[in-house]
Amino acid sequence: MMMGETGRAEDLMLLSALHKGKVLSGRCVNPLLRAGFATVGDITKLRRREVSKIPGLGEKGLEELDKLLITLGLSYREDRKP
C-alpha cells in the first residue's frame, strides 16, 4: 500500500517533517527512518511493544512517540478498540 492511499491524515504525516518542525527529536525519528518507517500511520499499525524493539529507539524516544500519539488522538494497534 502506498503512503496516503488510505486517506488517513496520519498516513500523510511524515516523520522527517515532524523532526524538522521540532515536534520529534532526532533520537526518536532517526531509528524509525532507518527501520523503514516514514509516517505516523506506519507507527500506529504496530503494537507499542513492537515499536520498543526498534534498534536505537530508547525509552525517551518511545515516550516522545507516546506523547505525540496522545496529542494527535491516535494509538498503537493494541490500544484501539475493536
Protein backbone atom coordinates (compact mmCIF):
# COMPACT_ATOMS: atom_id res chain seq x y z
CA MET A 1 0.00 0.00 0.00
CA MET A 2 1.39 3.39 -0.96
CA MET A 3 1.66 6.17 1.59
CA GLY A 4 -1.56 8.14 1.85
CA GLU A 5 -3.54 5.57 -0.10
CA THR A 6 -5.94 5.09 2.80
CA GLY A 7 -6.74 8.78 3.02
CA ARG A 8 -6.00 8.87 6.75
CA ALA A 9 -4.28 12.04 7.95
CA GLU A 10 -1.69 10.08 9.93
CA ASP A 11 -0.59 8.38 6.73
CA LEU A 12 0.39 11.80 5.39
CA MET A 13 2.31 12.96 8.49
CA LEU A 14 5.93 12.40 7.57
CA LEU A 15 8.27 11.62 10.45
CA SER A 16 11.02 13.69 8.82
CA ALA A 17 8.72 16.72 8.70
CA LEU A 18 7.83 16.28 12.37
CA HIS A 19 11.55 16.26 13.13
CA LYS A 20 12.22 19.38 11.04
CA GLY A 21 9.32 21.09 12.80
CA LYS A 22 10.92 20.13 16.13
CA VAL A 23 7.90 18.04 17.13
CA LEU A 24 10.07 14.91 17.44
CA SER A 25 13.78 14.68 18.25
CA GLY A 26 16.42 13.02 16.14
CA ARG A 27 16.78 10.32 18.81
CA CYS A 28 13.18 9.38 18.05
CA VAL A 29 12.97 9.90 14.28
CA ASN A 30 16.33 8.55 13.08
CA PRO A 31 15.88 4.96 14.32
CA LEU A 32 12.36 4.88 12.87
CA LEU A 33 13.55 6.10 9.48
CA ARG A 34 16.42 3.56 9.48
CA ALA A 35 13.88 0.82 10.26
CA GLY A 36 11.84 1.83 7.20
CA PHE A 37 9.04 3.86 8.79
CA ALA A 38 8.05 7.06 7.00
CA THR A 39 4.77 8.24 8.55
CA VAL A 40 2.94 8.38 11.84
CA GLY A 41 0.43 5.98 10.27
CA ASP A 42 3.20 3.39 9.88
CA ILE A 43 3.76 3.51 13.64
CA THR A 44 0.06 3.14 14.50
CA LYS A 45 -0.01 -0.19 12.66
CA LEU A 46 2.26 -1.71 15.31
CA ARG A 47 1.91 -2.65 18.94
CA ARG A 48 3.86 -0.48 21.38
CA ARG A 49 6.00 -3.45 22.36
CA GLU A 50 6.95 -3.94 18.69
CA VAL A 51 7.95 -0.28 18.38
CA SER A 52 10.01 -0.54 21.58
CA LYS A 53 12.17 -3.22 19.94
CA ILE A 54 13.31 -0.97 17.08
CA PRO A 55 17.12 -0.77 17.29
CA GLY A 56 18.31 2.61 18.54
CA LEU A 57 14.91 3.75 19.80
CA GLY A 58 15.35 4.18 23.52
CA GLU A 59 12.87 4.83 26.29
CA LYS A 60 12.97 8.61 25.81
CA GLY A 61 12.26 8.27 22.09
CA LEU A 62 9.40 5.90 22.83
CA GLU A 63 7.99 8.38 25.36
CA GLU A 64 8.10 11.08 22.67
CA LEU A 65 6.09 8.84 20.36
CA ASP A 66 3.60 8.09 23.13
CA LYS A 67 3.04 11.80 23.74
CA LEU A 68 2.71 12.53 20.03
CA LEU A 69 0.09 9.83 19.52
CA ILE A 70 -1.90 11.04 22.52
CA THR A 71 -1.75 14.64 21.24
CA LEU A 72 -2.97 13.52 17.82
CA GLY A 73 -5.71 11.32 19.29
CA LEU A 74 -4.06 8.20 17.88
CA SER A 75 -2.82 4.98 19.44
CA TYR A 76 -0.72 1.92 18.84
CA ARG A 77 -2.54 -1.09 17.40
CA GLU A 78 -3.22 -2.84 20.72
CA ASP A 79 -4.71 0.27 22.31
CA ARG A 80 -7.52 0.64 19.76
CA LYS A 81 -10.99 -0.55 20.48
CA PRO A 82 -12.19 -3.21 18.01
